[in-house]
């Protein structure tokens, strides 16, 4: 698999991750890093079970810290995770760890992963 062939699905997955972040209600003036498919660094690992080649993209900060990843499998399934790592904007009881997307082909599910805020 190569990134160019997977770009249409990858871009839709990224837009769904961004929409999930938007649903949380962060202020527009808050500078959040957002997932962009073509900005990931890609490798093509083989699935140890099927032997088929997949595509794995990792997003990193300018300093090299991991922000998230997207994995596309030859069978059409995928999983993506993108770090938010901020206090929930409207509910102090929660900390937003990340947003995730998973599914197969054009069926995409998303959710935010919340942790209880310490304090």
PDB file of N, CA and C in Angstrom:
ATOM      1  N   UNK A   1       0.853  -1.179   0.000  1.00  0.00           N
ATOM      2  CA  UNK A   1       0.000   0.000   0.000  1.00  0.00           C
ATOM      3  C   UNK A   1       0.894   1.235   0.000  1.00  0.00           C
ATOM      4  N   UNK A   2       0.450   2.255  -0.707  1.00  0.00           N
ATOM      5  CA  UNK A   2       1.217   3.488  -0.651  1.00  0.00           C
ATOM      6  C   UNK A   2       0.309   4.652  -0.250  1.00  0.00           C
ATOM      7  N   UNK A   3       0.904   5.706   0.326  1.00  0.00           N
ATOM      8  CA  UNK A   3       0.097   6.827   0.836  1.00  0.00           C
ATOM      9  C   UNK A   3      -0.792   7.489  -0.215  1.00  0.00           C
ATOM     10  N   UNK A   4      -0.314   7.600  -1.439  1.00  0.00           N
ATOM     11  CA  UNK A   4      -1.115   8.265  -2.474  1.00  0.00           C
ATOM     12  C   UNK A   4      -2.406   7.495  -2.754  1.00  0.00           C
ATOM     13  N   UNK A   5      -2.319   6.170  -2.817  1.00  0.00           N
ATOM     14  CA  UNK A   5      -3.516   5.353  -3.062  1.00  0.00           C
ATOM     15  C   UNK A   5      -4.492   5.407  -1.893  1.00  0.00           C
ATOM     16  N   UNK A   6      -3.964   5.552  -0.699  1.00  0.00           N
ATOM     17  CA  UNK A   6      -4.793   5.550   0.514  1.00  0.00           C
ATOM     18  C   UNK A   6      -5.257   6.947   0.924  1.00  0.00           C
ATOM     19  N   UNK A   7      -4.783   7.974   0.228  1.00  0.00           N
ATOM     20  CA  UNK A   7      -5.077   9.354   0.622  1.00  0.00           C
ATOM     21  C   UNK A   7      -6.571   9.673   0.720  1.00  0.00           C
ATOM     22  N   UNK A   8      -7.412   9.249  -0.242  1.00  0.00           N
ATOM     23  CA  UNK A   8      -8.835   9.616  -0.104  1.00  0.00           C
ATOM     24  C   UNK A   8      -9.443   9.122   1.216  1.00  0.00           C
ATOM     25  N   UNK A   9      -9.232   7.858   1.554  1.00  0.00           N
ATOM     26  CA  UNK A   9      -9.757   7.338   2.820  1.00  0.00           C
ATOM     27  C   UNK A   9      -9.051   7.997   3.996  1.00  0.00           C
ATOM     28  N   UNK A  10      -7.748   8.142   3.925  1.00  0.00           N
ATOM     29  CA  UNK A  10      -6.982   8.766   5.006  1.00  0.00           C
ATOM     30  C   UNK A  10      -7.447  10.177   5.307  1.00  0.00           C
ATOM     31  N   UNK A  11      -7.752  10.942   4.262  1.00  0.00           N
ATOM     32  CA  UNK A  11      -8.220  12.320   4.461  1.00  0.00           C
ATOM     33  C   UNK A  11      -9.601  12.353   5.096  1.00  0.00           C
ATOM     34  N   UNK A  12     -10.465  11.411   4.730  1.00  0.00           N
ATOM     35  CA  UNK A  12     -11.802  11.335   5.352  1.00  0.00           C
ATOM     36  C   UNK A  12     -11.663  10.973   6.830  1.00  0.00           C
ATOM     37  N   UNK A  13     -10.794  10.019   7.142  1.00  0.00           N
ATOM     38  CA  UNK A  13     -10.571   9.644   8.540  1.00  0.00           C
ATOM     39  C   UNK A  13     -10.067  10.836   9.328  1.00  0.00           C
ATOM     40  N   UNK A  14      -9.113  11.578   8.769  1.00  0.00           N
ATOM     41  CA  UNK A  14      -8.584  12.761   9.458  1.00  0.00           C
ATOM     42  C   UNK A  14      -9.672  13.813   9.665  1.00  0.00           C
ATOM     43  N   UNK A  15     -10.523  14.010   8.673  1.00  0.00           N
ATOM     44  CA  UNK A  15     -11.595  14.997   8.840  1.00  0.00           C
ATOM     45  C   UNK A  15     -12.565  14.577   9.928  1.00  0.00           C
ATOM     46  N   UNK A  16     -12.798  13.281  10.083  1.00  0.00           N
ATOM     47  CA  UNK A  16     -13.663  12.798  11.155  1.00  0.00           C
ATOM     48  C   UNK A  16     -13.003  12.973  12.521  1.00  0.00           C
ATOM     49  N   UNK A  17     -11.671  12.766  12.606  1.00  0.00           N
ATOM     50  CA  UNK A  17     -10.958  13.025  13.861  1.00  0.00           C
ATOM     51  C   UNK A  17     -11.060  14.509  14.225  1.00  0.00           C
ATOM     52  N   UNK A  18     -10.879  15.366  13.238  1.00  0.00           N
ATOM     53  CA  UNK A  18     -10.966  16.814  13.469  1.00  0.00           C
ATOM     54  C   UNK A  18     -12.379  17.197  13.917  1.00  0.00           C
ATOM     55  N   UNK A  19     -13.402  16.605  13.295  1.00  0.00           N
ATOM     56  CA  UNK A  19     -14.789  16.881  13.694  1.00  0.00           C
ATOM     57  C   UNK A  19     -15.028  16.439  15.133  1.00  0.00           C
ATOM     58  N   UNK A  20     -14.445  15.317  15.537  1.00  0.00           N
ATOM     59  CA  UNK A  20     -14.606  14.836  16.912  1.00  0.00           C
ATOM     60  C   UNK A  20     -13.959  15.812  17.893  1.00  0.00           C
ATOM     61  N   UNK A  21     -12.806  16.348  17.539  1.00  0.00           N
ATOM     62  CA  UNK A  21     -12.157  17.374  18.374  1.00  0.00           C
ATOM     63  C   UNK A  21     -13.060  18.607  18.445  1.00  0.00           C
ATOM     64  N   UNK A  22     -13.635  18.996  17.310  1.00  0.00           N
ATOM     65  CA  UNK A  22     -14.522  20.161  17.264  1.00  0.00           C
ATOM     66  C   UNK A  22     -15.744  20.008  18.135  1.00  0.00           C
ATOM     67  N   UNK A  23     -16.292  18.791  18.210  1.00  0.00           N
ATOM     68  CA  UNK A  23     -17.483  18.546  19.032  1.00  0.00           C
ATOM     69  C   UNK A  23     -17.215  18.779  20.513  1.00  0.00           C
ATOM     70  N   UNK A  24     -15.964  18.704  20.920  1.00  0.00           N
ATOM     71  CA  UNK A  24     -15.636  18.904  22.331  1.00  0.00           C
ATOM     72  C   UNK A  24     -15.775  20.364  22.741  1.00  0.00           C
ATOM     73  N   UNK A  25     -15.726  21.274  21.778  1.00  0.00           N
ATOM     74  CA  UNK A  25     -15.970  22.684  22.066  1.00  0.00           C
ATOM     75  C   UNK A  25     -14.752  23.509  22.453  1.00  0.00           C
ATOM     76  N   UNK A  26     -13.571  23.110  21.990  1.00  0.00           N
ATOM     77  CA  UNK A  26     -12.400  23.936  22.283  1.00  0.00           C
ATOM     78  C   UNK A  26     -12.553  25.291  21.614  1.00  0.00           C
ATOM     79  N   UNK A  27     -12.153  26.377  22.301  1.00  0.00           N
ATOM     80  CA  UNK A  27     -12.253  27.712  21.709  1.00  0.00           C
ATOM     81  C   UNK A  27     -11.430  27.798  20.420  1.00  0.00           C
ATOM     82  N   UNK A  28     -11.935  28.514  19.437  1.00  0.00           N
ATOM     83  CA  UNK A  28     -11.235  28.625  18.158  1.00  0.00           C
ATOM     84  C   UNK A  28      -9.862  29.270  18.301  1.00  0.00           C
ATOM     85  N   UNK A  29      -9.724  30.160  19.282  1.00  0.00           N
ATOM     86  CA  UNK A  29      -8.434  30.834  19.458  1.00  0.00           C
ATOM     87  C   UNK A  29      -7.378  29.914  20.075  1.00  0.00           C
ATOM     88  N   UNK A  30      -7.809  28.770  20.603  1.00  0.00           N
ATOM     89  CA  UNK A  30      -6.861  27.815  21.182  1.00  0.00           C
ATOM     90  C   UNK A  30      -6.152  27.092  20.039  1.00  0.00           C
ATOM     91  N   UNK A  31      -4.856  27.187  20.024  1.00  0.00           N
ATOM     92  CA  UNK A  31      -4.066  26.588  18.952  1.00  0.00           C
ATOM     93  C   UNK A  31      -3.922  25.089  19.189  1.00  0.00           C
ATOM     94  N   UNK A  32      -4.658  24.304  18.420  1.00  0.00           N
ATOM     95  CA  UNK A  32      -4.597  22.856  18.523  1.00  0.00           C
ATOM     96  C   UNK A  32      -3.915  22.290  17.282  1.00  0.00           C
ATOM     97  N   UNK A  33      -3.090  21.306  17.492  1.00  0.00           N
ATOM     98  CA  UNK A  33      -2.513  20.568  16.382  1.00  0.00           C
ATOM     99  C   UNK A  33      -3.596  19.633  15.855  1.00  0.00           C
ATOM    100  N   UNK A  34      -3.751  19.539  14.544  1.00  0.00           N
ATOM    101  CA  UNK A  34      -4.787  18.693  13.955  1.00  0.00           C
ATOM    102  C   UNK A  34      -4.155  17.689  12.987  1.00  0.00           C
ATOM    103  N   UNK A  35      -4.755  16.507  12.846  1.00  0.00           N
ATOM    104  CA  UNK A  35      -4.190  15.483  11.959  1.00  0.00           C
ATOM    105  C   UNK A  35      -4.395  15.818  10.479  1.00  0.00           C
ATOM    106  N   UNK A  36      -3.320  15.770   9.723  1.00  0.00           N
ATOM    107  CA  UNK A  36      -3.355  15.952   8.272  1.00  0.00           C
ATOM    108  C   UNK A  36      -2.708  14.705   7.668  1.00  0.00           C
ATOM    109  N   UNK A  37      -3.447  13.978   6.873  1.00  0.00           N
ATOM    110  CA  UNK A  37      -2.973  12.686   6.371  1.00  0.00           C
ATOM    111  C   UNK A  37      -1.600  12.779   5.717  1.00  0.00           C
ATOM    112  N   UNK A  38      -1.427  13.719   4.802  1.00  0.00           N
ATOM    113  CA  UNK A  38      -0.172  13.774   4.040  1.00  0.00           C
ATOM    114  C   UNK A  38       1.027  14.193   4.887  1.00  0.00           C
ATOM    115  N   UNK A  39       0.803  14.681   6.110  1.00  0.00           N
ATOM    116  CA  UNK A  39       1.913  15.087   6.972  1.00  0.00           C
ATOM    117  C   UNK A  39       2.427  13.966   7.862  1.00  0.00           C
ATOM    118  N   UNK A  40       1.785  12.810   7.795  1.00  0.00           N
ATOM    119  CA  UNK A  40       2.258  11.657   8.568  1.00  0.00           C
ATOM    120  C   UNK A  40       3.505  11.081   7.891  1.00  0.00           C
ATOM    121  N   UNK A  41       4.316  10.401   8.669  1.00  0.00           N
ATOM    122  CA  UNK A  41       5.496   9.706   8.145  1.00  0.00           C
ATOM    123  C   UNK A  41       5.098   8.237   8.008  1.00  0.00           C
ATOM    124  N   UNK A  42       5.158   7.702   6.775  1.00  0.00           N
ATOM    125  CA  UNK A  42       4.576   6.405   6.473  1.00  0.00           C
ATOM    126  C   UNK A  42       5.593   5.266   6.368  1.00  0.00           C
ATOM    127  N   UNK A  43       5.149   4.096   6.811  1.00  0.00           N
ATOM    128  CA  UNK A  43       5.853   2.836   6.575  1.00  0.00           C
ATOM    129  C   UNK A  43       4.819   1.847   6.059  1.00  0.00           C
ATOM    130  N   UNK A  44       5.297   0.737   5.506  1.00  0.00           N
ATOM    131  CA  UNK A  44       4.399  -0.284   4.957  1.00  0.00           C
ATOM    132  C   UNK A  44       4.675  -1.630   5.615  1.00  0.00           C
ATOM    133  N   UNK A  45       4.228  -1.807   6.847  1.00  0.00           N
ATOM    134  CA  UNK A  45       4.477  -3.078   7.544  1.00  0.00           C
ATOM    135  C   UNK A  45       3.619  -4.208   6.983  1.00  0.00           C
ATOM    136  N   UNK A  46       4.115  -5.424   7.122  1.00  0.00           N
ATOM    137  CA  UNK A  46       3.330  -6.599   6.725  1.00  0.00           C
ATOM    138  C   UNK A  46       2.566  -7.119   7.932  1.00  0.00           C
ATOM    139  N   UNK A  47       1.322  -7.498   7.702  1.00  0.00           N
ATOM    140  CA  UNK A  47       0.506  -8.101   8.740  1.00  0.00           C
ATOM    141  C   UNK A  47       1.089  -9.482   9.048  1.00  0.00           C
ATOM    142  N   UNK A  48       1.446  -9.744  10.300  1.00  0.00           N
ATOM    143  CA  UNK A  48       2.065 -11.036  10.612  1.00  0.00           C
ATOM    144  C   UNK A  48       1.133 -12.225  10.403  1.00  0.00           C
ATOM    145  N   UNK A  49      -0.164 -11.997  10.427  1.00  0.00           N
ATOM    146  CA  UNK A  49      -1.129 -13.092  10.269  1.00  0.00           C
ATOM    147  C   UNK A  49      -1.392 -13.376   8.791  1.00  0.00           C
ATOM    148  N   UNK A  50      -1.700 -12.327   8.012  1.00  0.00           N
ATOM    149  CA  UNK A  50      -2.073 -12.532   6.608  1.00  0.00           C
ATOM    150  C   UNK A  50      -0.892 -12.405   5.654  1.00  0.00           C
ATOM    151  N   UNK A  51       0.165 -11.717   6.083  1.00  0.00           N
ATOM    152  CA  UNK A  51       1.301 -11.468   5.199  1.00  0.00           C
ATOM    153  C   UNK A  51       1.060 -10.327   4.231  1.00  0.00           C
ATOM    154  N   UNK A  52      -0.113  -9.689   4.309  1.00  0.00           N
ATOM    155  CA  UNK A  52      -0.421  -8.578   3.407  1.00  0.00           C
ATOM    156  C   UNK A  52       0.191  -7.285   3.917  1.00  0.00           C
ATOM    157  N   UNK A  53       0.546  -6.431   2.981  1.00  0.00           N
ATOM    158  CA  UNK A  53       1.143  -5.146   3.320  1.00  0.00           C
ATOM    159  C   UNK A  53       0.059  -4.148   3.714  1.00  0.00           C
ATOM    160  N   UNK A  54       0.316  -3.409   4.771  1.00  0.00           N
ATOM    161  CA  UNK A  54      -0.582  -2.354   5.211  1.00  0.00           C
ATOM    162  C   UNK A  54       0.121  -1.015   5.108  1.00  0.00           C
ATOM    163  N   UNK A  55      -0.459  -0.011   5.702  1.00  0.00           N
ATOM    164  CA  UNK A  55       0.143   1.318   5.722  1.00  0.00           C
ATOM    165  C   UNK A  55       0.006   1.884   7.125  1.00  0.00           C
ATOM    166  N   UNK A  56       1.099   2.359   7.675  1.00  0.00           N
ATOM    167  CA  UNK A  56       1.101   2.961   9.005  1.00  0.00           C
ATOM    168  C   UNK A  56       1.708   4.350   8.896  1.00  0.00           C
ATOM    169  N   UNK A  57       0.956   5.340   9.316  1.00  0.00           N
ATOM    170  CA  UNK A  57       1.443   6.715   9.329  1.00  0.00           C
ATOM    171  C   UNK A  57       1.522   7.215  10.759  1.00  0.00           C
ATOM    172  N   UNK A  58       2.610   7.925  11.061  1.00  0.00           N
ATOM    173  CA  UNK A  58       2.788   8.482  12.405  1.00  0.00           C
ATOM    174  C   UNK A  58       2.958   9.992  12.290  1.00  0.00           C
ATOM    175  N   UNK A  59       2.191  10.712  13.120  1.00  0.00           N
ATOM    176  CA  UNK A  59       2.332  12.161  13.203  1.00  0.00           C
ATOM    177  C   UNK A  59       3.253  12.494  14.365  1.00  0.00           C
ATOM    178  N   UNK A  60       4.149  13.446  14.143  1.00  0.00           N
ATOM    179  CA  UNK A  60       5.085  13.867  15.185  1.00  0.00           C
ATOM    180  C   UNK A  60       5.121  15.393  15.268  1.00  0.00           C
ATOM    181  N   UNK A  61       5.516  15.889  16.443  1.00  0.00           N
ATOM    182  CA  UNK A  61       5.725  17.320  16.610  1.00  0.00           C
ATOM    183  C   UNK A  61       7.035  17.705  15.924  1.00  0.00           C
ATOM    184  N   UNK A  62       7.296  18.984  15.845  1.00  0.00           N
ATOM    185  CA  UNK A  62       8.561  19.461  15.274  1.00  0.00           C
ATOM    186  C   UNK A  62       9.756  18.937  16.071  1.00  0.00           C
ATOM    187  N   UNK A  63       9.530  18.644  17.349  1.00  0.00           N
ATOM    188  CA  UNK A  63      10.597  18.122  18.206  1.00  0.00           C
ATOM    189  C   UNK A  63      10.716  16.602  18.125  1.00  0.00           C
ATOM    190  N   UNK A  64       9.850  15.952  17.347  1.00  0.00           N
ATOM    191  CA  UNK A  64       9.918  14.507  17.176  1.00  0.00           C
ATOM    192  C   UNK A  64       9.047  13.696  18.107  1.00  0.00           C
ATOM    193  N   UNK A  65       8.243  14.353  18.941  1.00  0.00           N
ATOM    194  CA  UNK A  65       7.353  13.625  19.855  1.00  0.00           C
ATOM    195  C   UNK A  65       6.127  13.115  19.086  1.00  0.00           C
ATOM    196  N   UNK A  66       5.730  11.901  19.391  1.00  0.00           N
ATOM    197  CA  UNK A  66       4.600  11.273  18.707  1.00  0.00           C
ATOM    198  C   UNK A  66       3.290  11.954  19.083  1.00  0.00           C
ATOM    199  N   UNK A  67       2.487  12.295  18.060  1.00  0.00           N
ATOM    200  CA  UNK A  67       1.161  12.889  18.268  1.00  0.00           C
ATOM    201  C   UNK A  67       0.038  11.908  17.980  1.00  0.00           C
ATOM    202  N   UNK A  68       0.308  10.933  17.142  1.00  0.00           N
ATOM    203  CA  UNK A  68      -0.734   9.987  16.796  1.00  0.00           C
ATOM    204  C   UNK A  68      -0.314   9.098  15.656  1.00  0.00           C
ATOM    205  N   UNK A  69      -1.232   8.194  15.288  1.00  0.00           N
ATOM    206  CA  UNK A  69      -0.940   7.301  14.172  1.00  0.00           C
ATOM    207  C   UNK A  69      -2.221   6.871  13.485  1.00  0.00           C
ATOM    208  N   UNK A  70      -2.048   6.447  12.249  1.00  0.00           N
ATOM    209  CA  UNK A  70      -3.146   5.903  11.465  1.00  0.00           C
ATOM    210  C   UNK A  70      -2.646   4.605  10.845  1.00  0.00           C
ATOM    211  N   UNK A  71      -3.446   3.546  10.990  1.00  0.00           N
ATOM    212  CA  UNK A  71      -3.090   2.243  10.427  1.00  0.00           C
ATOM    213  C   UNK A  71      -4.199   1.812   9.476  1.00  0.00           C
ATOM    214  N   UNK A  72      -3.816   1.570   8.238  1.00  0.00           N
ATOM    215  CA  UNK A  72      -4.744   1.100   7.218  1.00  0.00           C
ATOM    216  C   UNK A  72      -4.335  -0.318   6.840  1.00  0.00           C
ATOM    217  N   UNK A  73      -5.296  -1.241   6.896  1.00  0.00           N
ATOM    218  CA  UNK A  73      -5.008  -2.644   6.629  1.00  0.00           C
ATOM    219  C   UNK A  73      -5.514  -3.043   5.248  1.00  0.00           C
ATOM    220  N   UNK A  74      -4.907  -4.073   4.683  1.00  0.00           N
ATOM    221  CA  UNK A  74      -5.253  -4.529   3.338  1.00  0.00           C
ATOM    222  C   UNK A  74      -6.710  -4.962   3.212  1.00  0.00           C
ATOM    223  N   UNK A  75      -7.324  -5.383   4.310  1.00  0.00           N
ATOM    224  CA  UNK A  75      -8.725  -5.828   4.254  1.00  0.00           C
ATOM    225  C   UNK A  75      -9.725  -4.669   4.304  1.00  0.00           C
ATOM    226  N   UNK A  76      -9.218  -3.426   4.325  1.00  0.00           N
ATOM    227  CA  UNK A  76     -10.094  -2.256   4.354  1.00  0.00           C
ATOM    228  C   UNK A  76     -10.362  -1.717   5.747  1.00  0.00           C
ATOM    229  N   UNK A  77      -9.905  -2.415   6.773  1.00  0.00           N
ATOM    230  CA  UNK A  77     -10.108  -1.930   8.140  1.00  0.00           C
ATOM    231  C   UNK A  77      -9.014  -0.922   8.498  1.00  0.00           C
ATOM    232  N   UNK A  78      -9.290  -0.117   9.516  1.00  0.00           N
ATOM    233  CA  UNK A  78      -8.328   0.907   9.922  1.00  0.00           C
ATOM    234  C   UNK A  78      -8.532   1.280  11.389  1.00  0.00           C
ATOM    235  N   UNK A  79      -7.510   1.928  11.924  1.00  0.00           N
ATOM    236  CA  UNK A  79      -7.560   2.494  13.274  1.00  0.00           C
ATOM    237  C   UNK A  79      -6.683   3.733  13.265  1.00  0.00           C
ATOM    238  N   UNK A  80      -7.159   4.802  13.871  1.00  0.00           N
ATOM    239  CA  UNK A  80      -6.376   6.034  13.981  1.00  0.00           C
ATOM    240  C   UNK A  80      -6.561   6.608  15.374  1.00  0.00           C
ATOM    241  N   UNK A  81      -5.518   7.207  15.874  1.00  0.00           N
ATOM    242  CA  UNK A  81      -5.539   7.845  17.186  1.00  0.00           C
ATOM    243  C   UNK A  81      -4.724   9.134  17.094  1.00  0.00           C
ATOM    244  N   UNK A  82      -5.271  10.211  17.655  1.00  0.00           N
ATOM    245  CA  UNK A  82      -4.569  11.493  17.617  1.00  0.00           C
ATOM    246  C   UNK A  82      -4.666  12.153  18.990  1.00  0.00           C
ATOM    247  N   UNK A  83      -3.515  12.508  19.559  1.00  0.00           N
ATOM    248  CA  UNK A  83      -3.464  13.074  20.903  1.00  0.00           C
ATOM    249  C   UNK A  83      -4.023  14.493  20.956  1.00  0.00           C
ATOM    250  N   UNK A  84      -4.794  14.761  21.984  1.00  0.00           N
ATOM    251  CA  UNK A  84      -5.278  16.110  22.282  1.00  0.00           C
ATOM    252  C   UNK A  84      -4.573  16.602  23.544  1.00  0.00           C
ATOM    253  N   UNK A  85      -4.594  15.802  24.595  1.00  0.00           N
ATOM    254  CA  UNK A  85      -3.876  16.061  25.850  1.00  0.00           C
ATOM    255  C   UNK A  85      -4.145  17.454  26.424  1.00  0.00           C
ATOM    256  N   UNK A  86      -5.439  17.759  26.601  1.00  0.00           N
ATOM    257  CA  UNK A  86      -5.860  19.038  27.181  1.00  0.00           C
ATOM    258  C   UNK A  86      -7.042  18.822  28.117  1.00  0.00           C
ATOM    259  N   UNK A  87      -7.179  19.723  29.061  1.00  0.00           N
ATOM    260  CA  UNK A  87      -8.357  19.744  29.929  1.00  0.00           C
ATOM    261  C   UNK A  87      -9.596  19.930  29.057  1.00  0.00           C
ATOM    262  N   UNK A  88     -10.668  19.219  29.375  1.00  0.00           N
ATOM    263  CA  UNK A  88     -11.918  19.376  28.626  1.00  0.00           C
ATOM    264  C   UNK A  88     -12.325  20.843  28.704  1.00  0.00           C
ATOM    265  N   UNK A  89     -12.734  21.456  27.583  1.00  0.00           N
ATOM    266  CA  UNK A  89     -13.016  22.896  27.584  1.00  0.00           C
ATOM    267  C   UNK A  89     -14.262  23.326  28.356  1.00  0.00           C
ATOM    268  N   UNK A  90     -15.202  22.393  28.597  1.00  0.00           N
ATOM    269  CA  UNK A  90     -16.431  22.809  29.274  1.00  0.00           C
ATOM    270  C   UNK A  90     -16.793  21.956  30.493  1.00  0.00           C
ATOM    271  N   UNK A  91     -15.982  20.954  30.802  1.00  0.00           N
ATOM    272  CA  UNK A  91     -16.281  20.095  31.939  1.00  0.00           C
ATOM    273  C   UNK A  91     -14.984  19.759  32.669  1.00  0.00           C
ATOM    274  N   UNK A  92     -14.728  20.473  33.733  1.00  0.00           N
ATOM    275  CA  UNK A  92     -13.457  20.350  34.461  1.00  0.00           C
ATOM    276  C   UNK A  92     -13.231  18.965  35.069  1.00  0.00           C
ATOM    277  N   UNK A  93     -14.253  18.133  35.065  1.00  0.00           N
ATOM    278  CA  UNK A  93     -14.082  16.778  35.603  1.00  0.00           C
ATOM    279  C   UNK A  93     -13.262  15.884  34.675  1.00  0.00           C
ATOM    280  N   UNK A  94     -13.058  16.322  33.423  1.00  0.00           N
ATOM    281  CA  UNK A  94     -12.441  15.463  32.415  1.00  0.00           C
ATOM    282  C   UNK A  94     -11.204  16.073  31.774  1.00  0.00           C
ATOM    283  N   UNK A  95     -10.304  15.178  31.387  1.00  0.00           N
ATOM    284  CA  UNK A  95      -9.109  15.504  30.614  1.00  0.00           C
ATOM    285  C   UNK A  95      -9.253  14.748  29.296  1.00  0.00           C
ATOM    286  N   UNK A  96      -9.041  15.431  28.166  1.00  0.00           N
ATOM    287  CA  UNK A  96      -9.169  14.794  26.853  1.00  0.00           C
ATOM    288  C   UNK A  96      -7.813  14.207  26.471  1.00  0.00           C
ATOM    289  N   UNK A  97      -7.722  12.888  26.519  1.00  0.00           N
ATOM    290  CA  UNK A  97      -6.467  12.217  26.177  1.00  0.00           C
ATOM    291  C   UNK A  97      -6.231  12.256  24.665  1.00  0.00           C
ATOM    292  N   UNK A  98      -7.222  11.806  23.886  1.00  0.00           N
ATOM    293  CA  UNK A  98      -7.065  11.730  22.438  1.00  0.00           C
ATOM    294  C   UNK A  98      -8.431  11.528  21.792  1.00  0.00           C
ATOM    295  N   UNK A  99      -8.430  11.529  20.470  1.00  0.00           N
ATOM    296  CA  UNK A  99      -9.599  11.110  19.703  1.00  0.00           C
ATOM    297  C   UNK A  99      -9.183   9.897  18.882  1.00  0.00           C
ATOM    298  N   UNK A 100     -10.123   8.996  18.664  1.00  0.00           N
ATOM    299  CA  UNK A 100      -9.835   7.779  17.904  1.00  0.00           C
ATOM    300  C   UNK A 100     -10.883   7.590  16.810  1.00  0.00           C
ATOM    301  N   UNK A 101     -10.458   6.896  15.754  1.00  0.00           N
ATOM    302  CA  UNK A 101     -11.366   6.510  14.668  1.00  0.00           C
ATOM    303  C   UNK A 101     -11.052   5.066  14.311  1.00  0.00           C
ATOM    304  N   UNK A 102     -12.087   4.307  13.984  1.00  0.00           N
ATOM    305  CA  UNK A 102     -11.897   2.929  13.579  1.00  0.00           C
ATOM    306  C   UNK A 102     -13.024   2.543  12.647  1.00  0.00           C
ATOM    307  N   UNK A 103     -12.816   1.490  11.887  1.00  0.00           N
ATOM    308  CA  UNK A 103     -13.874   1.005  11.011  1.00  0.00           C
ATOM    309  C   UNK A 103     -13.328   0.206   9.855  1.00  0.00           C
ATOM    310  N   UNK A 104     -14.129   0.155   8.815  1.00  0.00           N
ATOM    311  CA  UNK A 104     -13.760  -0.576   7.603  1.00  0.00           C
ATOM    312  C   UNK A 104     -14.389   0.154   6.421  1.00  0.00           C
ATOM    313  N   UNK A 105     -13.576   0.397   5.397  1.00  0.00           N
ATOM    314  CA  UNK A 105     -14.028   1.075   4.177  1.00  0.00           C
ATOM    315  C   UNK A 105     -14.680   2.412   4.531  1.00  0.00           C
ATOM    316  N   UNK A 106     -15.963   2.602   4.176  1.00  0.00           N
ATOM    317  CA  UNK A 106     -16.598   3.897   4.430  1.00  0.00           C
ATOM    318  C   UNK A 106     -17.392   3.936   5.741  1.00  0.00           C
ATOM    319  N   UNK A 107     -17.272   2.919   6.553  1.00  0.00           N
ATOM    320  CA  UNK A 107     -17.916   2.925   7.878  1.00  0.00           C
ATOM    321  C   UNK A 107     -16.873   3.398   8.885  1.00  0.00           C
ATOM    322  N   UNK A 108     -17.093   4.597   9.409  1.00  0.00           N
ATOM    323  CA  UNK A 108     -16.114   5.221  10.302  1.00  0.00           C
ATOM    324  C   UNK A 108     -16.790   5.575  11.619  1.00  0.00           C
ATOM    325  N   UNK A 109     -16.230   5.082  12.699  1.00  0.00           N
ATOM    326  CA  UNK A 109     -16.689   5.416  14.051  1.00  0.00           C
ATOM    327  C   UNK A 109     -15.618   6.270  14.710  1.00  0.00           C
ATOM    328  N   UNK A 110     -16.030   7.238  15.512  1.00  0.00           N
ATOM    329  CA  UNK A 110     -15.069   8.092  16.219  1.00  0.00           C
ATOM    330  C   UNK A 110     -15.538   8.321  17.645  1.00  0.00           C
ATOM    331  N   UNK A 111     -14.577   8.615  18.515  1.00  0.00           N
ATOM    332  CA  UNK A 111     -14.911   9.021  19.874  1.00  0.00           C
ATOM    333  C   UNK A 111     -13.699   9.686  20.504  1.00  0.00           C
ATOM    334  N   UNK A 112     -13.981  10.473  21.529  1.00  0.00           N
ATOM    335  CA  UNK A 112     -12.922  11.068  22.341  1.00  0.00           C
ATOM    336  C   UNK A 112     -12.658  10.141  23.509  1.00  0.00           C
ATOM    337  N   UNK A 113     -11.391   9.993  23.858  1.00  0.00           N
ATOM    338  CA  UNK A 113     -11.023   9.231  25.055  1.00  0.00           C
ATOM    339  C   UNK A 113     -10.800  10.233  26.173  1.00  0.00           C
ATOM    340  N   UNK A 114     -11.629  10.132  27.210  1.00  0.00           N
ATOM    341  CA  UNK A 114     -11.574  11.050  28.339  1.00  0.00           C
ATOM    342  C   UNK A 114     -11.039  10.320  29.568  1.00  0.00           C
ATOM    343  N   UNK A 115     -10.276  11.046  30.360  1.00  0.00           N
ATOM    344  CA  UNK A 115      -9.774  10.538  31.628  1.00  0.00           C
ATOM    345  C   UNK A 115     -10.288  11.448  32.740  1.00  0.00           C
ATOM    346  N   UNK A 116     -10.540  10.906  33.920  1.00  0.00           N
ATOM    347  CA  UNK A 116     -10.935  11.780  35.030  1.00  0.00           C
ATOM    348  C   UNK A 116      -9.818  12.787  35.309  1.00  0.00           C
ATOM    349  N   UNK A 117     -10.195  14.030  35.479  1.00  0.00           N
ATOM    350  CA  UNK A 117      -9.200  15.066  35.791  1.00  0.00           C
ATOM    351  C   UNK A 117      -8.713  14.881  37.229  1.00  0.00           C
ATOM    352  N   UNK A 118      -7.458  15.094  37.422  1.00  0.00           N
ATOM    353  CA  UNK A 118      -6.872  14.985  38.760  1.00  0.00           C
ATOM    354  C   UNK A 118      -7.008  16.343  39.439  1.00  0.00           C
ATOM    355  N   UNK A 119      -7.406  16.331  40.639  1.00  0.00           N
ATOM    356  CA  UNK A 119      -7.436  17.626  41.258  1.00  0.00           C
ATOM    357  C   UNK A 119      -8.363  17.767  42.340  1.00  0.00           C
TER     358      UNK A 119
END
